[in-house]
Amino acid sequence: IAGIFVSFFVIGIWHGANWTFIMV
């Protein structure tokens, strides 16, 4: 579960420097 969140945090922030992408 922690690995899932780390991976999708990277995928989110990869898209751009905005809290909206982190939220995604």
PDB file of all heavy atoms in Angstrom:
ATOM      1  N   ILE A   1       0.827  -1.208   0.000  1.00  0.00           N
ATOM      2  CA  ILE A   1       0.000   0.000   0.000  1.00  0.00           C
ATOM      3  C   ILE A   1       0.864   1.261   0.000  1.00  0.00           C
ATOM      4  O   ILE A   1       0.604   2.222  -0.734  1.00  0.00           O
ATOM      5  CB  ILE A   1      -0.971  -0.009   1.197  1.00  0.00           C
ATOM      6  CG1 ILE A   1      -2.009  -1.132   1.013  1.00  0.00           C
ATOM      7  CG2 ILE A   1      -1.663   1.344   1.350  1.00  0.00           C
ATOM      8  CD1 ILE A   1      -2.911  -1.337   2.190  1.00  0.00           C
ATOM      9  N   ALA A   2       1.932   1.250   0.809  1.00  0.00           N
ATOM     10  CA  ALA A   2       2.848   2.396   0.818  1.00  0.00           C
ATOM     11  C   ALA A   2       3.508   2.557  -0.540  1.00  0.00           C
ATOM     12  O   ALA A   2       3.663   3.683  -1.044  1.00  0.00           O
ATOM     13  CB  ALA A   2       3.906   2.207   1.904  1.00  0.00           C
ATOM     14  N   GLY A   3       3.878   1.436  -1.172  1.00  0.00           N
ATOM     15  CA  GLY A   3       4.485   1.488  -2.501  1.00  0.00           C
ATOM     16  C   GLY A   3       3.541   2.055  -3.541  1.00  0.00           C
ATOM     17  O   GLY A   3       3.964   2.788  -4.448  1.00  0.00           O
ATOM     18  N   ILE A   4       2.262   1.730  -3.416  1.00  0.00           N
ATOM     19  CA  ILE A   4       1.255   2.274  -4.329  1.00  0.00           C
ATOM     20  C   ILE A   4       1.201   3.793  -4.206  1.00  0.00           C
ATOM     21  O   ILE A   4       1.205   4.514  -5.216  1.00  0.00           O
ATOM     22  CB  ILE A   4      -0.132   1.660  -4.031  1.00  0.00           C
ATOM     23  CG1 ILE A   4      -0.165   0.198  -4.472  1.00  0.00           C
ATOM     24  CG2 ILE A   4      -1.241   2.455  -4.737  1.00  0.00           C
ATOM     25  CD1 ILE A   4      -1.394  -0.562  -3.994  1.00  0.00           C
ATOM     26  N   PHE A   5       1.166   4.298  -2.976  1.00  0.00           N
ATOM     27  CA  PHE A   5       1.081   5.748  -2.777  1.00  0.00           C
ATOM     28  C   PHE A   5       2.345   6.462  -3.236  1.00  0.00           C
ATOM     29  O   PHE A   5       2.276   7.545  -3.832  1.00  0.00           O
ATOM     30  CB  PHE A   5       0.768   6.074  -1.319  1.00  0.00           C
ATOM     31  CG  PHE A   5      -0.681   6.045  -0.990  1.00  0.00           C
ATOM     32  CD1 PHE A   5      -1.266   4.928  -0.416  1.00  0.00           C
ATOM     33  CD2 PHE A   5      -1.500   7.129  -1.297  1.00  0.00           C
ATOM     34  CE1 PHE A   5      -2.624   4.892  -0.128  1.00  0.00           C
ATOM     35  CE2 PHE A   5      -2.856   7.109  -1.017  1.00  0.00           C
ATOM     36  CZ  PHE A   5      -3.420   5.987  -0.434  1.00  0.00           C
ATOM     37  N   VAL A   6       3.505   5.874  -2.980  1.00  0.00           N
ATOM     38  CA  VAL A   6       4.756   6.477  -3.448  1.00  0.00           C
ATOM     39  C   VAL A   6       4.769   6.544  -4.978  1.00  0.00           C
ATOM     40  O   VAL A   6       5.110   7.578  -5.573  1.00  0.00           O
ATOM     41  CB  VAL A   6       5.978   5.688  -2.937  1.00  0.00           C
ATOM     42  CG1 VAL A   6       7.260   6.176  -3.615  1.00  0.00           C
ATOM     43  CG2 VAL A   6       6.100   5.810  -1.425  1.00  0.00           C
ATOM     44  N   SER A   7       4.371   5.458  -5.618  1.00  0.00           N
ATOM     45  CA  SER A   7       4.364   5.407  -7.084  1.00  0.00           C
ATOM     46  C   SER A   7       3.414   6.440  -7.672  1.00  0.00           C
ATOM     47  O   SER A   7       3.765   7.151  -8.624  1.00  0.00           O
ATOM     48  CB  SER A   7       3.965   4.000  -7.560  1.00  0.00           C
ATOM     49  OG  SER A   7       4.880   3.035  -7.102  1.00  0.00           O
ATOM     50  N   PHE A   8       2.218   6.554  -7.093  1.00  0.00           N
ATOM     51  CA  PHE A   8       1.247   7.487  -7.667  1.00  0.00           C
ATOM     52  C   PHE A   8       1.513   8.929  -7.255  1.00  0.00           C
ATOM     53  O   PHE A   8       1.086   9.858  -7.962  1.00  0.00           O
ATOM     54  CB  PHE A   8      -0.178   7.048  -7.335  1.00  0.00           C
ATOM     55  CG  PHE A   8      -0.678   6.009  -8.287  1.00  0.00           C
ATOM     56  CD1 PHE A   8      -0.609   4.665  -7.965  1.00  0.00           C
ATOM     57  CD2 PHE A   8      -1.150   6.371  -9.526  1.00  0.00           C
ATOM     58  CE1 PHE A   8      -1.028   3.704  -8.870  1.00  0.00           C
ATOM     59  CE2 PHE A   8      -1.582   5.424 -10.443  1.00  0.00           C
ATOM     60  CZ  PHE A   8      -1.518   4.079 -10.111  1.00  0.00           C
ATOM     61  N   PHE A   9       2.232   9.127  -6.170  1.00  0.00           N
ATOM     62  CA  PHE A   9       2.712  10.477  -5.888  1.00  0.00           C
ATOM     63  C   PHE A   9       3.680  10.907  -6.981  1.00  0.00           C
ATOM     64  O   PHE A   9       3.611  12.036  -7.484  1.00  0.00           O
ATOM     65  CB  PHE A   9       3.394  10.541  -4.524  1.00  0.00           C
ATOM     66  CG  PHE A   9       4.052  11.876  -4.259  1.00  0.00           C
ATOM     67  CD1 PHE A   9       3.303  12.947  -3.799  1.00  0.00           C
ATOM     68  CD2 PHE A   9       5.408  12.055  -4.496  1.00  0.00           C
ATOM     69  CE1 PHE A   9       3.898  14.182  -3.573  1.00  0.00           C
ATOM     70  CE2 PHE A   9       6.014  13.289  -4.270  1.00  0.00           C
ATOM     71  CZ  PHE A   9       5.256  14.352  -3.805  1.00  0.00           C
ATOM     72  N   VAL A  10       4.575  10.003  -7.374  1.00  0.00           N
ATOM     73  CA  VAL A  10       5.528  10.299  -8.448  1.00  0.00           C
ATOM     74  C   VAL A  10       4.786  10.546  -9.763  1.00  0.00           C
ATOM     75  O   VAL A  10       5.093  11.498 -10.493  1.00  0.00           O
ATOM     76  CB  VAL A  10       6.553   9.154  -8.605  1.00  0.00           C
ATOM     77  CG1 VAL A  10       7.410   9.361  -9.858  1.00  0.00           C
ATOM     78  CG2 VAL A  10       7.433   9.067  -7.370  1.00  0.00           C
ATOM     79  N   ILE A  11       3.812   9.696 -10.071  1.00  0.00           N
ATOM     80  CA  ILE A  11       3.038   9.889 -11.302  1.00  0.00           C
ATOM     81  C   ILE A  11       2.316  11.222 -11.272  1.00  0.00           C
ATOM     82  O   ILE A  11       2.278  11.942 -12.275  1.00  0.00           O
ATOM     83  CB  ILE A  11       2.031   8.729 -11.491  1.00  0.00           C
ATOM     84  CG1 ILE A  11       2.774   7.441 -11.862  1.00  0.00           C
ATOM     85  CG2 ILE A  11       1.004   9.066 -12.577  1.00  0.00           C
ATOM     86  CD1 ILE A  11       1.883   6.220 -11.971  1.00  0.00           C
ATOM     87  N   GLY A  12       1.768  11.587 -10.114  1.00  0.00           N
ATOM     88  CA  GLY A  12       1.060  12.862 -10.009  1.00  0.00           C
ATOM     89  C   GLY A  12       1.981  14.042 -10.187  1.00  0.00           C
ATOM     90  O   GLY A  12       1.750  14.897 -11.041  1.00  0.00           O
ATOM     91  N   ILE A  13       3.060  14.098  -9.411  1.00  0.00           N
ATOM     92  CA  ILE A  13       3.966  15.248  -9.464  1.00  0.00           C
ATOM     93  C   ILE A  13       4.740  15.274 -10.768  1.00  0.00           C
ATOM     94  O   ILE A  13       5.188  16.341 -11.221  1.00  0.00           O
ATOM     95  CB  ILE A  13       4.934  15.239  -8.250  1.00  0.00           C
ATOM     96  CG1 ILE A  13       5.564  16.619  -8.034  1.00  0.00           C
ATOM     97  CG2 ILE A  13       5.989  14.177  -8.407  1.00  0.00           C
ATOM     98  CD1 ILE A  13       4.604  17.682  -7.577  1.00  0.00           C
ATOM     99  N   TRP A  14       4.914  14.120 -11.422  1.00  0.00           N
ATOM    100  CA  TRP A  14       5.566  14.061 -12.731  1.00  0.00           C
ATOM    101  C   TRP A  14       4.833  14.940 -13.733  1.00  0.00           C
ATOM    102  O   TRP A  14       5.446  15.559 -14.599  1.00  0.00           O
ATOM    103  CB  TRP A  14       5.596  12.607 -13.224  1.00  0.00           C
ATOM    104  CG  TRP A  14       6.191  12.413 -14.590  1.00  0.00           C
ATOM    105  CD1 TRP A  14       7.490  12.162 -14.897  1.00  0.00           C
ATOM    106  CD2 TRP A  14       5.495  12.452 -15.848  1.00  0.00           C
ATOM    107  NE1 TRP A  14       7.657  12.040 -16.253  1.00  0.00           N
ATOM    108  CE2 TRP A  14       6.439  12.220 -16.857  1.00  0.00           C
ATOM    109  CE3 TRP A  14       4.169  12.661 -16.208  1.00  0.00           C
ATOM    110  CZ2 TRP A  14       6.095  12.182 -18.211  1.00  0.00           C
ATOM    111  CZ3 TRP A  14       3.826  12.633 -17.541  1.00  0.00           C
ATOM    112  CH2 TRP A  14       4.776  12.398 -18.535  1.00  0.00           C
ATOM    113  N   HIS A  15       3.507  15.013 -13.588  1.00  0.00           N
ATOM    114  CA  HIS A  15       2.715  15.775 -14.556  1.00  0.00           C
ATOM    115  C   HIS A  15       2.891  17.284 -14.407  1.00  0.00           C
ATOM    116  O   HIS A  15       2.627  18.023 -15.366  1.00  0.00           O
ATOM    117  CB  HIS A  15       1.230  15.415 -14.424  1.00  0.00           C
ATOM    118  CG  HIS A  15       0.876  14.114 -15.070  1.00  0.00           C
ATOM    119  ND1 HIS A  15       0.978  12.907 -14.418  1.00  0.00           N
ATOM    120  CD2 HIS A  15       0.431  13.824 -16.316  1.00  0.00           C
ATOM    121  CE1 HIS A  15       0.605  11.931 -15.232  1.00  0.00           C
ATOM    122  NE2 HIS A  15       0.269  12.455 -16.385  1.00  0.00           N
ATOM    123  N   GLY A  16       3.291  17.759 -13.243  1.00  0.00           N
ATOM    124  CA  GLY A  16       3.471  19.199 -13.120  1.00  0.00           C
ATOM    125  C   GLY A  16       3.580  19.661 -11.685  1.00  0.00           C
ATOM    126  O   GLY A  16       3.222  18.938 -10.741  1.00  0.00           O
ATOM    127  N   ALA A  17       4.088  20.886 -11.521  1.00  0.00           N
ATOM    128  CA  ALA A  17       4.283  21.474 -10.198  1.00  0.00           C
ATOM    129  C   ALA A  17       3.005  22.176  -9.760  1.00  0.00           C
ATOM    130  O   ALA A  17       2.882  23.400  -9.832  1.00  0.00           O
ATOM    131  CB  ALA A  17       5.462  22.449 -10.224  1.00  0.00           C
ATOM    132  N   ASN A  18       2.040  21.396  -9.327  1.00  0.00           N
ATOM    133  CA  ASN A  18       0.764  21.946  -8.882  1.00  0.00           C
ATOM    134  C   ASN A  18       0.112  20.944  -7.935  1.00  0.00           C
ATOM    135  O   ASN A  18       0.195  19.733  -8.157  1.00  0.00           O
ATOM    136  CB  ASN A  18      -0.158  22.222 -10.080  1.00  0.00           C
ATOM    137  CG  ASN A  18      -1.323  23.120  -9.727  1.00  0.00           C
ATOM    138  OD1 ASN A  18      -1.971  22.964  -8.693  1.00  0.00           O
ATOM    139  ND2 ASN A  18      -1.613  24.076 -10.590  1.00  0.00           N
ATOM    140  N   TRP A  19      -0.539  21.445  -6.895  1.00  0.00           N
ATOM    141  CA  TRP A  19      -1.209  20.562  -5.952  1.00  0.00           C
ATOM    142  C   TRP A  19      -2.324  19.764  -6.612  1.00  0.00           C
ATOM    143  O   TRP A  19      -2.722  18.708  -6.107  1.00  0.00           O
ATOM    144  CB  TRP A  19      -1.760  21.364  -4.776  1.00  0.00           C
ATOM    145  CG  TRP A  19      -0.696  21.774  -3.816  1.00  0.00           C
ATOM    146  CD1 TRP A  19      -0.127  23.003  -3.678  1.00  0.00           C
ATOM    147  CD2 TRP A  19      -0.045  20.920  -2.867  1.00  0.00           C
ATOM    148  NE1 TRP A  19       0.834  22.993  -2.695  1.00  0.00           N
ATOM    149  CE2 TRP A  19       0.907  21.719  -2.176  1.00  0.00           C
ATOM    150  CE3 TRP A  19      -0.163  19.575  -2.521  1.00  0.00           C
ATOM    151  CZ2 TRP A  19       1.731  21.206  -1.177  1.00  0.00           C
ATOM    152  CZ3 TRP A  19       0.646  19.060  -1.521  1.00  0.00           C
ATOM    153  CH2 TRP A  19       1.579  19.865  -0.865  1.00  0.00           C
ATOM    154  N   THR A  20      -2.836  20.247  -7.726  1.00  0.00           N
ATOM    155  CA  THR A  20      -3.889  19.504  -8.429  1.00  0.00           C
ATOM    156  C   THR A  20      -3.366  18.157  -8.919  1.00  0.00           C
ATOM    157  O   THR A  20      -4.069  17.141  -8.839  1.00  0.00           O
ATOM    158  CB  THR A  20      -4.413  20.311  -9.626  1.00  0.00           C
ATOM    159  OG1 THR A  20      -3.316  20.665 -10.479  1.00  0.00           O
ATOM    160  CG2 THR A  20      -5.106  21.579  -9.170  1.00  0.00           C
ATOM    161  N   PHE A  21      -2.125  18.123  -9.407  1.00  0.00           N
ATOM    162  CA  PHE A  21      -1.555  16.866  -9.891  1.00  0.00           C
ATOM    163  C   PHE A  21      -1.216  15.933  -8.724  1.00  0.00           C
ATOM    164  O   PHE A  21      -1.351  14.707  -8.847  1.00  0.00           O
ATOM    165  CB  PHE A  21      -0.314  17.148 -10.733  1.00  0.00           C
ATOM    166  CG  PHE A  21      -0.596  17.934 -11.983  1.00  0.00           C
ATOM    167  CD1 PHE A  21       0.030  19.144 -12.205  1.00  0.00           C
ATOM    168  CD2 PHE A  21      -1.502  17.475 -12.916  1.00  0.00           C
ATOM    169  CE1 PHE A  21      -0.226  19.889 -13.355  1.00  0.00           C
ATOM    170  CE2 PHE A  21      -1.777  18.199 -14.065  1.00  0.00           C
ATOM    171  CZ  PHE A  21      -1.145  19.413 -14.280  1.00  0.00           C
ATOM    172  N   ILE A  22      -0.777  16.509  -7.630  1.00  0.00           N
ATOM    173  CA  ILE A  22      -0.535  15.689  -6.438  1.00  0.00           C
ATOM    174  C   ILE A  22      -1.846  15.065  -5.970  1.00  0.00           C
ATOM    175  O   ILE A  22      -1.890  13.892  -5.571  1.00  0.00           O
ATOM    176  CB  ILE A  22       0.107  16.544  -5.326  1.00  0.00           C
ATOM    177  CG1 ILE A  22       1.505  17.009  -5.762  1.00  0.00           C
ATOM    178  CG2 ILE A  22       0.176  15.759  -4.016  1.00  0.00           C
ATOM    179  CD1 ILE A  22       2.163  17.961  -4.793  1.00  0.00           C
ATOM    180  N   MET A  23      -2.934  15.847  -6.041  1.00  0.00           N
ATOM    181  CA  MET A  23      -4.247  15.333  -5.655  1.00  0.00           C
ATOM    182  C   MET A  23      -4.668  14.183  -6.557  1.00  0.00           C
ATOM    183  O   MET A  23      -5.259  13.190  -6.087  1.00  0.00           O
ATOM    184  CB  MET A  23      -5.277  16.462  -5.724  1.00  0.00           C
ATOM    185  CG  MET A  23      -6.635  16.087  -5.155  1.00  0.00           C
ATOM    186  SD  MET A  23      -6.540  15.772  -3.361  1.00  0.00           S
ATOM    187  CE  MET A  23      -8.242  15.396  -2.991  1.00  0.00           C
ATOM    188  N   VAL A  24      -4.385  14.293  -7.845  1.00  0.00           N
ATOM    189  CA  VAL A  24      -4.696  13.198  -8.772  1.00  0.00           C
ATOM    190  C   VAL A  24      -3.964  11.929  -8.335  1.00  0.00           C
ATOM    191  O   VAL A  24      -4.548  10.839  -8.286  1.00  0.00           O
ATOM    192  CB  VAL A  24      -4.303  13.570 -10.217  1.00  0.00           C
ATOM    193  CG1 VAL A  24      -4.403  12.352 -11.133  1.00  0.00           C
ATOM    194  CG2 VAL A  24      -5.194  14.683 -10.748  1.00  0.00           C
TER     195      VAL A  24
END
